[in-house]
């Protein structure tokens, strides 16, 4: 500690401690706990919901319905009086 505080380069001080050069290389450092990819959490599937649109494209209805949420416009196009077209969000 005193040597580093006396402005000696840190690498020189660490080299005197007996570490191998590859142990000081940050890119080659080993990851604790297994392989590096073991630390990446797996994605969990999430429900995407649905988009409700006019069946003929005449009106501008383009409404997202969250999973389990209420139907937009009660599931019917007010202009065509037909069931809305469902597209995956």
N, C-alpha and C. Protein backbone atom coordinates (compact mmCIF):
# COMPACT_ATOMS: atom_id res chain seq x y z
N UNK A 1 0.82 -1.17 0.00
CA UNK A 1 0.00 0.00 0.00
C UNK A 1 0.88 1.25 0.00
N UNK A 2 1.88 1.22 0.81
CA UNK A 2 2.77 2.38 0.89
C UNK A 2 3.53 2.59 -0.42
N UNK A 3 3.87 1.48 -1.09
CA UNK A 3 4.58 1.57 -2.35
C UNK A 3 3.69 2.21 -3.42
N UNK A 4 2.43 1.83 -3.45
CA UNK A 4 1.49 2.41 -4.42
C UNK A 4 1.29 3.89 -4.12
N UNK A 5 1.15 4.20 -2.84
CA UNK A 5 0.99 5.60 -2.45
C UNK A 5 2.23 6.42 -2.78
N UNK A 6 3.37 5.76 -2.88
CA UNK A 6 4.62 6.45 -3.24
C UNK A 6 4.76 6.55 -4.76
N UNK A 7 3.65 6.37 -5.47
CA UNK A 7 3.54 6.54 -6.92
C UNK A 7 4.28 5.48 -7.73
N UNK A 8 4.43 4.29 -7.19
CA UNK A 8 4.94 3.16 -7.95
C UNK A 8 3.76 2.60 -8.74
N UNK A 9 3.96 2.29 -10.03
CA UNK A 9 2.85 1.73 -10.81
C UNK A 9 2.27 0.48 -10.15
N UNK A 10 0.95 0.41 -10.11
CA UNK A 10 0.25 -0.68 -9.43
C UNK A 10 0.63 -2.04 -10.01
N UNK A 11 0.80 -2.13 -11.31
CA UNK A 11 1.16 -3.41 -11.94
C UNK A 11 2.50 -3.93 -11.40
N UNK A 12 3.44 -3.04 -11.16
CA UNK A 12 4.73 -3.47 -10.63
C UNK A 12 4.57 -4.01 -9.21
N UNK A 13 3.78 -3.36 -8.42
CA UNK A 13 3.56 -3.81 -7.04
C UNK A 13 2.86 -5.17 -7.03
N UNK A 14 1.84 -5.33 -7.87
CA UNK A 14 1.11 -6.60 -7.92
C UNK A 14 2.01 -7.71 -8.44
N UNK A 15 2.90 -7.39 -9.40
CA UNK A 15 3.82 -8.40 -9.94
C UNK A 15 4.71 -8.97 -8.85
N UNK A 16 5.05 -8.16 -7.88
CA UNK A 16 5.88 -8.65 -6.76
C UNK A 16 5.13 -9.59 -5.84
N UNK A 17 3.82 -9.62 -5.93
CA UNK A 17 3.02 -10.52 -5.08
C UNK A 17 2.98 -11.95 -5.62
N UNK A 18 3.47 -12.15 -6.84
CA UNK A 18 3.57 -13.51 -7.37
C UNK A 18 2.40 -13.94 -8.25
N UNK A 19 1.54 -13.02 -8.66
CA UNK A 19 0.45 -13.39 -9.56
C UNK A 19 0.99 -13.59 -10.96
N UNK A 20 0.43 -14.57 -11.67
CA UNK A 20 0.79 -14.78 -13.07
C UNK A 20 0.14 -13.69 -13.91
N UNK A 21 0.73 -13.36 -15.06
CA UNK A 21 0.22 -12.27 -15.90
C UNK A 21 -1.22 -12.53 -16.36
N UNK A 22 -1.55 -13.80 -16.66
CA UNK A 22 -2.91 -14.08 -17.12
C UNK A 22 -3.94 -13.86 -16.01
N UNK A 23 -3.52 -13.92 -14.75
CA UNK A 23 -4.44 -13.66 -13.65
C UNK A 23 -4.76 -12.18 -13.52
N UNK A 24 -3.93 -11.33 -14.07
CA UNK A 24 -4.14 -9.89 -14.01
C UNK A 24 -4.91 -9.38 -15.22
N UNK A 25 -5.03 -10.19 -16.26
CA UNK A 25 -5.73 -9.79 -17.47
C UNK A 25 -7.23 -9.86 -17.22
N UNK A 26 -7.92 -8.73 -17.31
CA UNK A 26 -9.36 -8.69 -17.02
C UNK A 26 -10.18 -9.51 -18.00
N UNK A 27 -9.78 -9.53 -19.28
CA UNK A 27 -10.54 -10.27 -20.28
C UNK A 27 -10.40 -11.78 -20.11
N UNK A 28 -9.27 -12.23 -19.59
CA UNK A 28 -9.04 -13.66 -19.44
C UNK A 28 -9.42 -14.15 -18.04
N UNK A 29 -9.89 -13.25 -17.20
CA UNK A 29 -10.23 -13.63 -15.82
C UNK A 29 -11.36 -14.65 -15.81
N UNK A 30 -11.26 -15.59 -14.92
CA UNK A 30 -12.28 -16.62 -14.80
C UNK A 30 -13.53 -16.04 -14.15
N UNK A 31 -14.67 -16.55 -14.58
CA UNK A 31 -15.94 -16.13 -14.00
C UNK A 31 -16.28 -17.13 -12.91
N UNK A 32 -16.57 -16.63 -11.74
CA UNK A 32 -16.90 -17.53 -10.64
C UNK A 32 -18.31 -18.06 -10.81
N UNK A 33 -18.51 -19.32 -10.46
CA UNK A 33 -19.84 -19.89 -10.50
C UNK A 33 -20.14 -20.66 -11.78
N UNK A 34 -19.13 -21.06 -12.51
CA UNK A 34 -19.37 -21.84 -13.72
C UNK A 34 -19.00 -21.10 -14.97
N UNK A 35 -19.66 -21.46 -16.04
CA UNK A 35 -19.39 -20.84 -17.34
C UNK A 35 -19.98 -19.43 -17.39
N UNK A 36 -19.40 -18.54 -18.21
CA UNK A 36 -19.92 -17.17 -18.28
C UNK A 36 -21.39 -17.10 -18.65
N UNK A 37 -21.85 -17.99 -19.55
CA UNK A 37 -23.25 -17.94 -19.97
C UNK A 37 -24.21 -18.40 -18.89
N UNK A 38 -23.70 -19.04 -17.82
CA UNK A 38 -24.56 -19.45 -16.71
C UNK A 38 -25.07 -18.25 -15.93
N UNK A 39 -24.40 -17.12 -16.06
CA UNK A 39 -24.80 -15.93 -15.30
C UNK A 39 -25.90 -15.14 -16.00
N UNK A 40 -26.21 -15.48 -17.27
CA UNK A 40 -27.24 -14.76 -18.01
C UNK A 40 -28.59 -15.42 -17.72
N UNK A 41 -29.54 -14.66 -17.21
CA UNK A 41 -30.85 -15.27 -16.90
C UNK A 41 -31.58 -15.64 -18.19
N UNK A 42 -32.29 -16.74 -18.14
CA UNK A 42 -33.07 -17.17 -19.30
C UNK A 42 -34.30 -16.28 -19.44
N UNK A 43 -34.66 -15.95 -20.67
CA UNK A 43 -35.86 -15.12 -20.83
C UNK A 43 -37.11 -15.91 -20.47
N UNK A 44 -38.04 -15.24 -19.84
CA UNK A 44 -39.29 -15.90 -19.50
C UNK A 44 -40.36 -15.41 -20.48
N UNK A 45 -41.14 -16.34 -21.02
CA UNK A 45 -42.16 -15.93 -21.98
C UNK A 45 -43.20 -15.04 -21.31
N UNK A 46 -43.60 -14.01 -22.03
CA UNK A 46 -44.63 -13.11 -21.53
C UNK A 46 -45.76 -13.08 -22.54
N UNK A 47 -46.99 -13.02 -22.06
CA UNK A 47 -48.09 -12.92 -23.01
C UNK A 47 -48.00 -11.60 -23.76
N UNK A 48 -48.25 -11.65 -25.05
CA UNK A 48 -48.05 -10.47 -25.89
C UNK A 48 -49.30 -9.62 -26.01
N UNK A 49 -50.46 -10.19 -25.84
CA UNK A 49 -51.68 -9.43 -26.04
C UNK A 49 -52.11 -9.49 -27.50
N UNK A 50 -53.16 -8.74 -27.82
CA UNK A 50 -53.71 -8.74 -29.17
C UNK A 50 -54.01 -7.31 -29.58
N UNK A 51 -53.99 -7.07 -30.87
CA UNK A 51 -54.40 -5.78 -31.42
C UNK A 51 -55.68 -6.01 -32.20
N UNK A 52 -56.67 -5.19 -31.91
CA UNK A 52 -57.96 -5.28 -32.59
C UNK A 52 -58.04 -4.18 -33.64
N UNK A 53 -58.43 -4.58 -34.88
CA UNK A 53 -58.50 -3.64 -35.99
C UNK A 53 -59.83 -3.79 -36.72
N UNK A 54 -60.16 -2.75 -37.48
CA UNK A 54 -61.35 -2.79 -38.32
C UNK A 54 -61.20 -3.95 -39.32
N UNK A 55 -62.24 -4.76 -39.52
CA UNK A 55 -62.10 -5.91 -40.41
C UNK A 55 -61.80 -5.52 -41.86
N UNK A 56 -62.27 -4.36 -42.31
CA UNK A 56 -62.06 -3.94 -43.70
C UNK A 56 -61.06 -2.80 -43.82
N UNK A 57 -60.56 -2.29 -42.70
CA UNK A 57 -59.62 -1.19 -42.73
C UNK A 57 -60.25 0.16 -43.02
N UNK A 58 -61.57 0.28 -42.85
CA UNK A 58 -62.26 1.53 -43.16
C UNK A 58 -62.09 2.56 -42.04
N UNK A 59 -62.12 2.11 -40.81
CA UNK A 59 -61.95 3.07 -39.71
C UNK A 59 -60.54 2.92 -39.14
N UNK A 60 -60.15 3.81 -38.29
CA UNK A 60 -58.76 3.83 -37.78
C UNK A 60 -58.58 3.05 -36.48
N UNK A 61 -59.54 2.20 -36.13
CA UNK A 61 -59.40 1.44 -34.88
C UNK A 61 -58.17 0.55 -34.95
N UNK A 62 -57.29 0.70 -33.98
CA UNK A 62 -56.06 -0.09 -33.88
C UNK A 62 -55.73 -0.14 -32.40
N UNK A 63 -56.47 -0.94 -31.65
CA UNK A 63 -56.41 -0.88 -30.20
C UNK A 63 -55.80 -2.15 -29.61
N UNK A 64 -54.85 -1.96 -28.68
CA UNK A 64 -54.20 -3.07 -27.99
C UNK A 64 -55.07 -3.56 -26.86
N UNK A 65 -55.20 -4.87 -26.76
CA UNK A 65 -55.90 -5.49 -25.63
C UNK A 65 -54.88 -6.29 -24.86
N UNK A 66 -54.69 -5.95 -23.61
CA UNK A 66 -53.81 -6.70 -22.73
C UNK A 66 -54.43 -8.08 -22.47
N UNK A 67 -53.60 -9.10 -22.21
CA UNK A 67 -54.15 -10.43 -21.94
C UNK A 67 -55.14 -10.40 -20.78
N UNK A 68 -56.34 -10.89 -21.02
CA UNK A 68 -57.38 -10.93 -20.00
C UNK A 68 -58.14 -9.62 -19.86
N UNK A 69 -57.77 -8.60 -20.63
CA UNK A 69 -58.45 -7.31 -20.53
C UNK A 69 -59.76 -7.30 -21.30
N UNK A 70 -60.52 -6.20 -21.18
CA UNK A 70 -61.81 -6.11 -21.87
C UNK A 70 -61.63 -5.98 -23.39
N UNK A 71 -62.64 -6.43 -24.12
CA UNK A 71 -62.62 -6.32 -25.58
C UNK A 71 -62.80 -4.86 -26.00
N UNK A 72 -61.96 -4.36 -26.89
CA UNK A 72 -62.18 -3.01 -27.40
C UNK A 72 -63.46 -2.95 -28.24
N UNK A 73 -64.23 -1.92 -28.05
CA UNK A 73 -65.48 -1.71 -28.83
C UNK A 73 -66.39 -2.93 -28.79
N UNK A 74 -66.34 -3.66 -27.70
CA UNK A 74 -67.16 -4.87 -27.51
C UNK A 74 -66.94 -5.90 -28.61
N UNK A 75 -65.75 -5.85 -29.26
CA UNK A 75 -65.38 -6.84 -30.26
C UNK A 75 -65.96 -6.62 -31.64
N UNK A 76 -66.65 -5.49 -31.86
CA UNK A 76 -67.28 -5.24 -33.16
C UNK A 76 -66.87 -3.87 -33.69
N UNK A 77 -66.76 -3.76 -35.01
CA UNK A 77 -66.47 -2.49 -35.66
C UNK A 77 -67.76 -1.68 -35.71
N UNK A 78 -67.72 -0.45 -35.21
CA UNK A 78 -68.93 0.38 -35.19
C UNK A 78 -69.35 0.81 -36.59
N UNK A 79 -68.41 0.86 -37.53
CA UNK A 79 -68.71 1.31 -38.89
C UNK A 79 -69.28 0.18 -39.74
N UNK A 80 -68.68 -1.00 -39.67
CA UNK A 80 -69.10 -2.14 -40.50
C UNK A 80 -70.09 -3.06 -39.79
N UNK A 81 -70.16 -2.93 -38.47
CA UNK A 81 -70.96 -3.82 -37.63
C UNK A 81 -70.59 -5.29 -37.87
N UNK A 82 -69.27 -5.52 -37.92
CA UNK A 82 -68.73 -6.86 -38.07
C UNK A 82 -67.69 -7.10 -36.97
N UNK A 83 -67.35 -8.36 -36.69
CA UNK A 83 -66.33 -8.63 -35.67
C UNK A 83 -64.99 -8.01 -36.06
N UNK A 84 -64.27 -7.52 -35.06
CA UNK A 84 -62.98 -6.92 -35.30
C UNK A 84 -61.95 -7.97 -35.71
N UNK A 85 -60.97 -7.55 -36.49
CA UNK A 85 -59.87 -8.42 -36.88
C UNK A 85 -58.85 -8.42 -35.76
N UNK A 86 -58.36 -9.60 -35.38
CA UNK A 86 -57.42 -9.74 -34.27
C UNK A 86 -56.03 -10.04 -34.84
N UNK A 87 -55.04 -9.25 -34.41
CA UNK A 87 -53.66 -9.42 -34.82
C UNK A 87 -52.82 -9.55 -33.56
N UNK A 88 -51.86 -10.45 -33.57
CA UNK A 88 -50.99 -10.60 -32.39
C UNK A 88 -50.12 -9.37 -32.22
N UNK A 89 -50.02 -8.88 -30.99
CA UNK A 89 -49.23 -7.67 -30.71
C UNK A 89 -47.75 -7.99 -30.71
